[in-house]
Amino acid sequence: MNILMHLHACQSGQVLPLLPAGVPLDGHMAGHGLMAPEQWALPTLTVGTTLCGACGTALLKVTSRAWLAMPVCQGGAAQVCVTDSMHPAAHCLLLTALTDLPEGPLELTPRKDGHSLAWVTLSDKGSRGMRQDLSGPAIAEAVAAAMPLCHSQGFVLPDEPVQLRALLTELALSHGYDIICTTGGTGLSPRDITPQVTEALLDASLPGFSQAMIAASMAKTPHAIISRAAAGILGQSIIINLPGSRKAVVENLAAVLPALPHALSKLQGDMNDCGG
């Protein structure tokens, strides 16, 4: 499926909103590199998808989604563009330019090579900048070493159930991340809310993942028995709760990473026999 769009000149690293067909462009928005595809359903691309030119070179990558307030042009010839609460917002993709691109029409082919990973660190102190996050980057390193990744993004939240619930839902159902790992909040402290928030969202649980992680941790410490870490499926995403320490993150991931590519393949439609 090729996508025909009009591109305004942009530099490498610039983030560009991409709107559905039919949303009008105006001079103000066009100056920010807004693009509009023709005859194309916006929700088909997930985070990590690249848009490639005729020679197969990746030019743009889907890195997020957002709601963008639409300007409405007023004032006759002056064409003054305004936005306020009375005007609608459109759901758009956010694309990152992978190289400098000139203005003009482009025919692009979407391609996704590898999996997308989101890691979420739950830490009250970390969210206030009072503690360096070591566990989140450890997730990215471990997963990238085990399988090809097309995109990886980290998030830091306080131990607040409302924020975690909203973020997990957005990452799985809107952004379409393949793998979502949380770190922290799996124990018995009053602020440890990660497992119960996660379990309430899951379409289906993956008890084998949880059991494998506990078994791996029990070989290191008897305290692992109190872990409440959950794992399961939300949409087309696999969510895995991990402990808070960097060491425990590495140990727990080592127990499930060998099965993760196969699990994702089956979840996303592979019909081959598992024993084949």
Protein backbone atom coordinates (compact mmCIF):
# COMPACT_ATOMS: atom_id res chain seq x y z
CA MET A 1 0.00 0.00 0.00
CA ASN A 2 1.58 3.26 -1.15
CA ILE A 3 0.68 6.61 0.43
CA LEU A 4 0.65 9.81 -1.60
CA MET A 5 1.10 12.95 0.48
CA HIS A 6 2.29 16.51 0.19
CA LEU A 7 5.32 17.35 2.29
CA HIS A 8 6.53 20.77 3.38
CA ALA A 9 10.30 21.13 3.69
CA CYS A 10 11.70 19.77 6.96
CA GLN A 11 14.99 18.93 8.61
CA SER A 12 16.19 15.63 10.02
CA GLY A 13 14.78 15.09 13.52
CA GLN A 14 11.82 17.40 13.04
CA VAL A 15 8.48 16.04 14.28
CA LEU A 16 5.59 16.45 11.85
CA PRO A 17 1.86 15.93 12.46
CA LEU A 18 0.17 13.79 9.83
CA LEU A 19 -3.58 14.25 9.56
CA PRO A 20 -6.30 12.13 7.97
CA ALA A 21 -7.50 12.87 4.46
CA GLY A 22 -10.00 15.69 4.24
CA VAL A 23 -8.55 17.90 6.99
CA PRO A 24 -7.81 21.27 5.34
CA LEU A 25 -4.31 22.71 5.44
CA ASP A 26 -3.70 26.41 5.93
CA GLY A 27 -0.63 28.59 5.76
CA HIS A 28 0.01 28.59 9.50
CA MET A 29 -0.01 24.81 9.86
CA ALA A 30 1.80 24.20 6.58
CA GLY A 31 4.74 26.19 7.89
CA HIS A 32 5.15 23.52 10.55
CA GLY A 33 5.51 20.67 8.05
CA LEU A 34 1.96 19.34 8.21
CA MET A 35 1.21 16.62 5.68
CA ALA A 36 -2.07 15.15 4.49
CA PRO A 37 -2.39 11.75 2.82
CA GLU A 38 -4.92 11.23 0.03
CA GLN A 39 -7.57 8.52 0.33
CA TRP A 40 -5.89 6.85 3.28
CA ALA A 41 -7.22 5.62 6.63
CA LEU A 42 -4.99 7.10 9.33
CA PRO A 43 -5.19 4.36 12.03
CA THR A 44 -3.42 1.72 9.92
CA LEU A 45 0.11 2.69 10.97
CA THR A 46 1.50 1.85 14.40
CA VAL A 47 4.50 3.32 16.21
CA GLY A 48 7.78 2.17 14.69
CA THR A 49 6.48 2.05 11.11
CA THR A 50 8.79 3.79 8.64
CA LEU A 51 7.70 5.48 5.41
CA CYS A 52 10.12 4.71 2.60
CA GLY A 53 10.79 6.45 -0.70
CA ALA A 54 10.99 4.89 -4.16
CA CYS A 55 14.51 3.57 -3.57
CA GLY A 56 13.50 1.90 -0.29
CA THR A 57 15.24 4.47 1.93
CA ALA A 58 13.39 5.20 5.19
CA LEU A 59 12.47 8.90 5.18
CA LEU A 60 10.00 9.22 8.06
CA LYS A 61 9.05 7.16 11.12
CA VAL A 62 5.85 7.03 13.14
CA THR A 63 6.90 7.89 16.70
CA SER A 64 3.65 8.86 18.45
CA ARG A 65 0.00 9.90 18.15
CA ALA A 66 -1.74 13.01 19.38
CA TRP A 67 -4.91 15.07 19.23
CA LEU A 68 -4.32 18.32 17.37
CA ALA A 69 -6.68 21.33 17.48
CA MET A 70 -7.62 22.36 13.96
CA PRO A 71 -7.34 26.00 12.91
CA VAL A 72 -10.25 27.62 11.07
CA CYS A 73 -9.43 30.40 8.63
CA GLN A 74 -11.38 33.64 9.06
CA GLY A 75 -11.14 37.20 7.89
CA GLY A 76 -11.64 36.96 4.13
CA ALA A 77 -8.49 37.76 2.19
CA ALA A 78 -6.46 38.17 5.36
CA GLN A 79 -7.06 34.47 6.16
CA VAL A 80 -6.39 34.75 9.88
CA CYS A 81 -6.30 31.25 11.41
CA VAL A 82 -7.69 30.79 14.90
CA THR A 83 -8.22 27.86 17.26
CA ASP A 84 -10.53 27.71 20.26
CA SER A 85 -12.67 25.26 22.16
CA MET A 86 -15.49 25.58 19.62
CA HIS A 87 -13.42 24.06 16.83
CA PRO A 88 -12.73 20.32 16.48
CA ALA A 89 -9.50 18.46 17.04
CA ALA A 90 -8.20 15.72 14.76
CA HIS A 91 -6.36 12.54 15.75
CA CYS A 92 -3.00 12.60 13.99
CA LEU A 93 0.17 10.60 13.71
CA LEU A 94 3.43 12.24 14.69
CA LEU A 95 6.23 11.45 12.26
CA THR A 96 9.93 12.08 12.82
CA ALA A 97 11.98 12.99 9.75
CA LEU A 98 14.93 10.64 9.36
CA THR A 99 16.68 12.93 6.88
CA ASP A 100 16.35 16.45 5.42
CA LEU A 101 13.39 16.50 3.02
CA PRO A 102 12.42 19.11 0.40
CA GLU A 103 8.93 20.43 -0.22
CA GLY A 104 6.77 18.57 -2.70
CA PRO A 105 4.62 15.50 -3.28
CA LEU A 106 5.92 12.13 -2.11
CA GLU A 107 4.78 8.58 -2.73
CA LEU A 108 5.80 6.53 0.30
CA THR A 109 5.60 2.87 1.23
CA PRO A 110 5.03 1.91 4.89
CA ARG A 111 7.34 -0.75 6.32
CA LYS A 112 7.89 -2.11 9.80
CA ASP A 113 11.14 -3.93 10.52
CA GLY A 114 11.29 -5.33 14.05
CA HIS A 115 9.17 -4.70 17.13
CA SER A 116 8.27 -1.56 19.05
CA LEU A 117 9.00 -1.32 22.79
CA ALA A 118 7.65 1.04 25.44
CA TRP A 119 9.01 0.90 28.96
CA VAL A 120 7.31 2.61 31.89
CA THR A 121 9.15 3.33 35.13
CA LEU A 122 6.91 3.74 38.19
CA SER A 123 8.70 5.91 40.74
CA ASP A 124 7.49 8.85 42.82
CA LYS A 125 11.04 10.13 43.27
CA GLY A 126 11.99 9.40 39.67
CA SER A 127 9.02 11.37 38.36
CA ARG A 128 10.19 14.38 40.38
CA GLY A 129 13.76 14.11 39.11
CA MET A 130 15.08 13.00 42.51
CA ARG A 131 16.30 9.56 41.41
CA GLN A 132 18.09 8.40 38.28
CA ASP A 133 16.17 5.78 36.35
CA LEU A 134 18.43 2.76 35.80
CA SER A 135 15.78 0.08 35.35
CA GLY A 136 13.99 1.54 32.33
CA PRO A 137 17.11 1.76 30.16
CA ALA A 138 18.02 -1.78 31.30
CA ILE A 139 14.73 -2.99 29.78
CA ALA A 140 15.58 -1.34 26.47
CA GLU A 141 19.08 -2.84 26.45
CA ALA A 142 17.92 -6.36 27.28
CA VAL A 143 15.07 -6.46 24.77
CA ALA A 144 17.17 -4.91 21.98
CA ALA A 145 19.85 -7.57 22.57
CA ALA A 146 17.27 -10.35 22.21
CA MET A 147 15.27 -9.18 19.16
CA PRO A 148 15.29 -6.44 16.52
CA LEU A 149 13.53 -3.24 17.57
CA CYS A 150 12.21 -0.61 15.21
CA HIS A 151 11.39 1.87 17.98
CA SER A 152 11.94 2.18 21.73
CA GLN A 153 10.53 4.86 24.04
CA GLY A 154 10.63 5.32 27.80
CA PHE A 155 8.19 6.98 30.20
CA VAL A 156 8.49 7.85 33.91
CA LEU A 157 5.39 8.10 36.09
CA PRO A 158 4.63 8.50 39.78
CA ASP A 159 2.93 5.53 41.46
CA GLU A 160 -0.53 6.81 40.55
CA PRO A 161 -3.15 4.36 39.24
CA VAL A 162 -5.05 6.87 37.07
CA GLN A 163 -1.92 7.95 35.20
CA LEU A 164 -0.69 4.38 34.72
CA ARG A 165 -4.09 3.19 33.51
CA ALA A 166 -4.31 6.00 30.96
CA LEU A 167 -0.76 5.50 29.69
CA LEU A 168 -1.01 1.71 29.28
CA THR A 169 -4.27 2.09 27.39
CA GLU A 170 -2.82 4.75 25.10
CA LEU A 171 0.40 2.84 24.40
CA ALA A 172 -1.41 -0.39 23.57
CA LEU A 173 -4.62 0.65 21.86
CA SER A 174 -3.70 3.95 20.22
CA HIS A 175 0.06 3.83 19.60
CA GLY A 176 0.10 0.09 18.94
CA TYR A 177 3.33 -0.82 20.76
CA ASP A 178 4.18 -4.51 20.46
CA ILE A 179 5.85 -4.79 23.90
CA ILE A 180 5.09 -2.68 26.97
CA CYS A 181 7.22 -3.32 30.07
CA THR A 182 6.67 -1.63 33.41
CA THR A 183 9.28 -1.51 36.16
CA GLY A 184 8.47 -0.87 39.80
CA GLY A 185 5.41 -1.15 42.01
CA THR A 186 5.13 -4.96 42.09
CA GLY A 187 5.62 -5.49 45.84
CA LEU A 188 3.53 -4.96 48.96
CA SER A 189 4.10 -1.30 49.80
CA PRO A 190 1.01 0.94 49.96
CA ARG A 191 2.12 2.76 46.78
CA ASP A 192 2.75 -0.46 44.82
CA ILE A 193 -0.18 -0.34 42.41
CA THR A 194 1.24 -1.65 39.12
CA PRO A 195 -0.12 -5.24 39.07
CA GLN A 196 -3.71 -4.41 40.01
CA VAL A 197 -3.87 -1.59 37.45
CA THR A 198 -2.41 -3.83 34.76
CA GLU A 199 -4.63 -6.84 35.50
CA ALA A 200 -7.78 -4.71 35.30
CA LEU A 201 -6.89 -3.70 31.73
CA LEU A 202 -5.81 -7.04 30.26
CA ASP A 203 -7.84 -8.85 27.62
CA ALA A 204 -6.10 -12.08 28.67
CA SER A 205 -3.40 -12.95 31.17
CA LEU A 206 -0.12 -14.78 30.52
CA PRO A 207 0.38 -16.71 33.77
CA GLY A 208 3.33 -18.62 32.33
CA PHE A 209 5.27 -15.38 32.01
CA SER A 210 4.59 -14.48 35.65
CA GLN A 211 5.47 -17.97 36.85
CA ALA A 212 8.72 -18.04 34.87
CA MET A 213 9.78 -14.69 36.29
CA ILE A 214 9.04 -15.73 39.87
CA ALA A 215 10.94 -19.00 39.39
CA ALA A 216 13.97 -17.12 38.02
CA SER A 217 13.88 -14.65 40.92
CA MET A 218 13.41 -17.38 43.53
CA ALA A 219 16.74 -18.84 42.44
CA LYS A 220 18.30 -15.55 43.57
CA THR A 221 16.30 -14.55 46.65
CA PRO A 222 13.45 -15.99 48.76
CA HIS A 223 11.89 -12.50 48.81
CA ALA A 224 10.82 -13.02 45.19
CA ILE A 225 7.82 -14.99 46.44
CA ILE A 226 6.04 -11.74 47.37
CA SER A 227 6.10 -10.41 43.79
CA ARG A 228 2.64 -9.71 42.34
CA ALA A 229 3.89 -8.96 38.82
CA ALA A 230 1.28 -9.49 36.09
CA ALA A 231 1.70 -10.19 32.38
CA GLY A 232 -0.84 -10.39 29.60
CA ILE A 233 -2.39 -9.08 26.42
CA LEU A 234 -4.08 -5.76 25.69
CA GLY A 235 -5.12 -5.38 22.08
CA GLN A 236 -2.13 -6.50 20.00
CA SER A 237 0.36 -5.66 22.79
CA ILE A 238 2.04 -7.81 25.41
CA ILE A 239 2.38 -6.08 28.78
CA ILE A 240 4.90 -7.34 31.33
CA ASN A 241 5.31 -6.06 34.90
CA LEU A 242 8.91 -6.13 36.11
CA PRO A 243 10.46 -5.38 39.54
CA GLY A 244 11.99 -2.02 40.31
CA SER A 245 15.70 -2.79 40.57
CA ARG A 246 17.96 -2.97 37.53
CA LYS A 247 19.36 -6.36 38.62
CA ALA A 248 15.89 -7.87 39.04
CA VAL A 249 14.74 -6.43 35.69
CA VAL A 250 17.57 -8.21 33.88
CA GLU A 251 16.93 -11.49 35.71
CA ASN A 252 13.18 -11.45 35.08
CA LEU A 253 13.47 -10.52 31.42
CA ALA A 254 15.98 -13.32 30.85
CA ALA A 255 13.25 -15.77 31.86
CA VAL A 256 10.67 -14.59 29.29
CA LEU A 257 12.62 -13.10 26.39
CA PRO A 258 13.21 -16.46 24.65
CA ALA A 259 9.43 -16.92 24.28
CA LEU A 260 8.52 -13.29 23.54
CA PRO A 261 9.07 -13.20 19.73
CA HIS A 262 6.97 -16.35 19.25
CA ALA A 263 4.24 -15.00 21.55
CA LEU A 264 4.08 -11.75 19.56
CA SER A 265 3.97 -13.62 16.28
CA LYS A 266 1.00 -15.73 17.39
CA LEU A 267 -0.79 -12.75 18.92
CA GLN A 268 -0.46 -10.77 15.69
CA GLY A 269 -1.82 -13.42 13.39
CA ASP A 270 0.78 -16.11 12.62
CA MET A 271 -1.23 -19.21 11.65
CA ASN A 272 1.68 -21.67 11.41
CA ASP A 273 1.64 -24.70 13.69
CA CYS A 274 3.64 -24.04 16.85
CA GLY A 275 5.52 -27.34 16.55
CA GLY A 276 6.40 -26.85 12.87
